[in-house]
Amino acid sequence: MSMNKHDDELSPTYVKKVMNLNKSIRWVGIANQLGMIIKETYREDLRPLLTNEENLEYAANTIARHKERIKYEPKIGKLEYTLVKYEKVNRIMIPLNNNNNYLLFSLDVEEIDYDKIIKEKIIPFIEGQEVSK
């Protein structure tokens, strides 16, 4: 991704725009290489499942696990995204700009079309393509 895309993802409105791509998105964050959340937003009127401290720890652990996975990319291909399904929520991580930042978000557990949302809404948005509502 170009430097312009990197600048876009750090803009104050980027996480809100991702949030607005689908009604089942609960939370959106951008984490840096160290796993620190640098931007985030919650769906309006949402009661978060994790405390702020737990969410920060979760993000750091997610990025650490991702760094372990990328060593296999030369053999099995580039990682598109990771999805972890819990009883109460689905959490997703998508690498941005050559693994310099990461898009983290969660979906309502009832959402069954998560792959469609990711591939038809989130990834095209990240790549700067027009996304249909």
C-alpha atoms as a PDB file:
ATOM      1  CA  MET A   1       0.000   0.000   0.000  1.00  0.00           C
ATOM      2  CA  SER A   2       1.140   3.487  -0.726  1.00  0.00           C
ATOM      3  CA  MET A   3       2.126   6.007   1.901  1.00  0.00           C
ATOM      4  CA  ASN A   4      -1.166   7.753   1.210  1.00  0.00           C
ATOM      5  CA  LYS A   5      -3.091   4.658   2.335  1.00  0.00           C
ATOM      6  CA  HIS A   6      -1.008   4.578   5.531  1.00  0.00           C
ATOM      7  CA  ASP A   7      -1.924   8.200   6.196  1.00  0.00           C
ATOM      8  CA  ASP A   8      -5.600   7.412   5.555  1.00  0.00           C
ATOM      9  CA  GLU A   9      -5.739   4.594   8.097  1.00  0.00           C
ATOM     10  CA  LEU A  10      -4.351   6.877  10.781  1.00  0.00           C
ATOM     11  CA  SER A  11      -6.908   9.609  10.102  1.00  0.00           C
ATOM     12  CA  PRO A  12      -9.450  10.227  12.843  1.00  0.00           C
ATOM     13  CA  THR A  13     -12.347   9.096  10.646  1.00  0.00           C
ATOM     14  CA  TYR A  14     -10.856   5.815   9.345  1.00  0.00           C
ATOM     15  CA  VAL A  15     -12.111   3.559  12.147  1.00  0.00           C
ATOM     16  CA  LYS A  16     -15.547   5.200  12.007  1.00  0.00           C
ATOM     17  CA  LYS A  17     -15.732   4.553   8.263  1.00  0.00           C
ATOM     18  CA  VAL A  18     -14.878   0.884   8.851  1.00  0.00           C
ATOM     19  CA  MET A  19     -17.514   0.751  11.607  1.00  0.00           C
ATOM     20  CA  ASN A  20     -20.125   2.024   9.155  1.00  0.00           C
ATOM     21  CA  LEU A  21     -19.450  -0.736   6.607  1.00  0.00           C
ATOM     22  CA  ASN A  22     -21.723  -3.220   8.383  1.00  0.00           C
ATOM     23  CA  LYS A  23     -24.226  -3.072  11.256  1.00  0.00           C
ATOM     24  CA  SER A  24     -22.759  -6.190  12.898  1.00  0.00           C
ATOM     25  CA  ILE A  25     -19.374  -4.530  13.532  1.00  0.00           C
ATOM     26  CA  ARG A  26     -19.048  -3.951  17.281  1.00  0.00           C
ATOM     27  CA  TRP A  27     -15.583  -2.451  17.635  1.00  0.00           C
ATOM     28  CA  VAL A  28     -12.803  -1.263  15.299  1.00  0.00           C
ATOM     29  CA  GLY A  29      -9.199  -0.517  16.194  1.00  0.00           C
ATOM     30  CA  ILE A  30      -5.879   0.165  14.512  1.00  0.00           C
ATOM     31  CA  ALA A  31      -2.858  -1.335  16.260  1.00  0.00           C
ATOM     32  CA  ASN A  32       0.781  -0.629  15.499  1.00  0.00           C
ATOM     33  CA  GLN A  33       3.664  -3.120  15.169  1.00  0.00           C
ATOM     34  CA  LEU A  34       3.965  -3.303  18.950  1.00  0.00           C
ATOM     35  CA  GLY A  35       0.304  -4.223  19.331  1.00  0.00           C
ATOM     36  CA  MET A  36      -0.635  -0.862  20.850  1.00  0.00           C
ATOM     37  CA  ILE A  37      -4.062   0.415  19.855  1.00  0.00           C
ATOM     38  CA  ILE A  38      -3.598   3.830  18.259  1.00  0.00           C
ATOM     39  CA  LYS A  39      -7.187   4.431  17.075  1.00  0.00           C
ATOM     40  CA  GLU A  40     -10.449   2.778  18.072  1.00  0.00           C
ATOM     41  CA  THR A  41     -14.201   3.191  18.124  1.00  0.00           C
ATOM     42  CA  TYR A  42     -17.135   1.245  19.518  1.00  0.00           C
ATOM     43  CA  ARG A  43     -20.600   0.870  18.078  1.00  0.00           C
ATOM     44  CA  GLU A  44     -22.957   3.362  19.641  1.00  0.00           C
ATOM     45  CA  ASP A  45     -24.769   2.094  22.753  1.00  0.00           C
ATOM     46  CA  LEU A  46     -22.560  -1.005  22.921  1.00  0.00           C
ATOM     47  CA  ARG A  47     -21.511  -2.475  26.255  1.00  0.00           C
ATOM     48  CA  PRO A  48     -17.964  -3.790  25.624  1.00  0.00           C
ATOM     49  CA  LEU A  49     -17.234  -7.373  26.647  1.00  0.00           C
ATOM     50  CA  LEU A  50     -13.616  -6.576  27.636  1.00  0.00           C
ATOM     51  CA  THR A  51     -12.240  -3.777  29.775  1.00  0.00           C
ATOM     52  CA  ASN A  52      -9.942  -1.269  28.121  1.00  0.00           C
ATOM     53  CA  GLU A  53      -6.916  -2.982  29.701  1.00  0.00           C
ATOM     54  CA  GLU A  54      -8.063  -6.426  28.511  1.00  0.00           C
ATOM     55  CA  ASN A  55      -8.614  -5.092  24.998  1.00  0.00           C
ATOM     56  CA  LEU A  56      -5.102  -3.617  24.953  1.00  0.00           C
ATOM     57  CA  GLU A  57      -3.636  -6.941  26.081  1.00  0.00           C
ATOM     58  CA  TYR A  58      -5.725  -8.817  23.507  1.00  0.00           C
ATOM     59  CA  ALA A  59      -4.436  -6.544  20.720  1.00  0.00           C
ATOM     60  CA  ALA A  60      -0.802  -7.019  21.782  1.00  0.00           C
ATOM     61  CA  ASN A  61      -1.233 -10.802  21.878  1.00  0.00           C
ATOM     62  CA  THR A  62      -2.973 -10.824  18.484  1.00  0.00           C
ATOM     63  CA  ILE A  63      -0.090  -8.933  16.854  1.00  0.00           C
ATOM     64  CA  ALA A  64       2.502 -11.170  18.557  1.00  0.00           C
ATOM     65  CA  ARG A  65       0.735 -14.282  17.211  1.00  0.00           C
ATOM     66  CA  HIS A  66       0.573 -12.724  13.755  1.00  0.00           C
ATOM     67  CA  LYS A  67       4.325 -12.130  13.763  1.00  0.00           C
ATOM     68  CA  GLU A  68       4.801 -15.851  14.415  1.00  0.00           C
ATOM     69  CA  ARG A  69       2.504 -16.754  11.515  1.00  0.00           C
ATOM     70  CA  ILE A  70       4.149 -14.585   8.866  1.00  0.00           C
ATOM     71  CA  LYS A  71       7.321 -16.673   8.867  1.00  0.00           C
ATOM     72  CA  TYR A  72       5.320 -19.317   6.971  1.00  0.00           C
ATOM     73  CA  GLU A  73       4.109 -16.939   4.259  1.00  0.00           C
ATOM     74  CA  PRO A  74       6.922 -17.793   1.796  1.00  0.00           C
ATOM     75  CA  LYS A  75       5.682 -21.379   1.768  1.00  0.00           C
ATOM     76  CA  ILE A  76       1.909 -21.075   2.147  1.00  0.00           C
ATOM     77  CA  GLY A  77       1.148 -17.577   0.847  1.00  0.00           C
ATOM     78  CA  LYS A  78       0.340 -14.173   2.270  1.00  0.00           C
ATOM     79  CA  LEU A  79      -2.045 -14.081   5.208  1.00  0.00           C
ATOM     80  CA  GLU A  80      -5.268 -12.260   4.273  1.00  0.00           C
ATOM     81  CA  TYR A  81      -6.862 -12.138   7.705  1.00  0.00           C
ATOM     82  CA  THR A  82      -7.305 -14.104  10.891  1.00  0.00           C
ATOM     83  CA  LEU A  83     -10.654 -14.850  12.488  1.00  0.00           C
ATOM     84  CA  VAL A  84     -11.181 -16.116  16.002  1.00  0.00           C
ATOM     85  CA  LYS A  85     -14.696 -17.253  16.924  1.00  0.00           C
ATOM     86  CA  TYR A  86     -15.765 -17.036  20.550  1.00  0.00           C
ATOM     87  CA  GLU A  87     -19.136 -17.825  22.097  1.00  0.00           C
ATOM     88  CA  LYS A  88     -19.949 -14.122  22.431  1.00  0.00           C
ATOM     89  CA  VAL A  89     -18.015 -12.410  19.621  1.00  0.00           C
ATOM     90  CA  ASN A  90     -15.943 -12.911  16.471  1.00  0.00           C
ATOM     91  CA  ARG A  91     -12.595 -11.068  16.353  1.00  0.00           C
ATOM     92  CA  ILE A  92     -10.701 -10.364  13.144  1.00  0.00           C
ATOM     93  CA  MET A  93      -7.232  -9.024  12.319  1.00  0.00           C
ATOM     94  CA  ILE A  94      -6.156  -7.788   8.878  1.00  0.00           C
ATOM     95  CA  PRO A  95      -2.548  -6.645   8.272  1.00  0.00           C
ATOM     96  CA  LEU A  96      -2.210  -3.166   6.780  1.00  0.00           C
ATOM     97  CA  ASN A  97       0.619  -1.559   4.778  1.00  0.00           C
ATOM     98  CA  ASN A  98       3.104  -4.440   4.851  1.00  0.00           C
ATOM     99  CA  ASN A  99       2.498  -5.281   8.509  1.00  0.00           C
ATOM    100  CA  ASN A 100       3.225  -1.793   9.822  1.00  0.00           C
ATOM    101  CA  ASN A 101      -0.275  -1.443  11.266  1.00  0.00           C
ATOM    102  CA  TYR A 102      -3.181  -3.813  11.788  1.00  0.00           C
ATOM    103  CA  LEU A 103      -6.919  -3.457  11.498  1.00  0.00           C
ATOM    104  CA  LEU A 104      -8.647  -5.207  14.383  1.00  0.00           C
ATOM    105  CA  PHE A 105     -12.397  -5.473  14.637  1.00  0.00           C
ATOM    106  CA  SER A 106     -15.121  -7.549  16.190  1.00  0.00           C
ATOM    107  CA  LEU A 107     -18.442  -8.743  14.834  1.00  0.00           C
ATOM    108  CA  ASP A 108     -21.598  -9.821  16.577  1.00  0.00           C
ATOM    109  CA  VAL A 109     -21.514 -13.573  17.168  1.00  0.00           C
ATOM    110  CA  GLU A 110     -24.853 -13.935  15.370  1.00  0.00           C
ATOM    111  CA  GLU A 111     -23.257 -12.699  12.127  1.00  0.00           C
ATOM    112  CA  ILE A 112     -22.807 -15.720   9.838  1.00  0.00           C
ATOM    113  CA  ASP A 113     -21.625 -13.886   6.694  1.00  0.00           C
ATOM    114  CA  TYR A 114     -18.328 -12.750   8.225  1.00  0.00           C
ATOM    115  CA  ASP A 115     -16.244 -13.928   5.241  1.00  0.00           C
ATOM    116  CA  LYS A 116     -18.483 -11.975   2.857  1.00  0.00           C
ATOM    117  CA  ILE A 117     -18.254  -8.851   5.038  1.00  0.00           C
ATOM    118  CA  ILE A 118     -14.474  -9.147   5.196  1.00  0.00           C
ATOM    119  CA  LYS A 119     -13.931  -9.875   1.493  1.00  0.00           C
ATOM    120  CA  GLU A 120     -16.651  -7.668   0.000  1.00  0.00           C
ATOM    121  CA  LYS A 121     -16.659  -4.723   2.415  1.00  0.00           C
ATOM    122  CA  ILE A 122     -13.589  -4.471   4.645  1.00  0.00           C
ATOM    123  CA  ILE A 123     -10.768  -5.520   2.295  1.00  0.00           C
ATOM    124  CA  PRO A 124     -12.040  -3.416  -0.642  1.00  0.00           C
ATOM    125  CA  PHE A 125     -12.301  -0.444   1.739  1.00  0.00           C
ATOM    126  CA  ILE A 126      -8.723  -1.010   2.926  1.00  0.00           C
ATOM    127  CA  GLU A 127      -7.530  -1.232  -0.673  1.00  0.00           C
ATOM    128  CA  GLY A 128      -9.251   2.050  -1.474  1.00  0.00           C
ATOM    129  CA  GLN A 129     -11.920   0.551  -3.699  1.00  0.00           C
ATOM    130  CA  GLU A 130     -15.496   1.758  -3.809  1.00  0.00           C
ATOM    131  CA  VAL A 131     -17.632  -0.278  -1.438  1.00  0.00           C
ATOM    132  CA  SER A 132     -21.338  -0.738  -2.109  1.00  0.00           C
ATOM    133  CA  LYS A 133     -23.697  -0.286   0.829  1.00  0.00           C
END
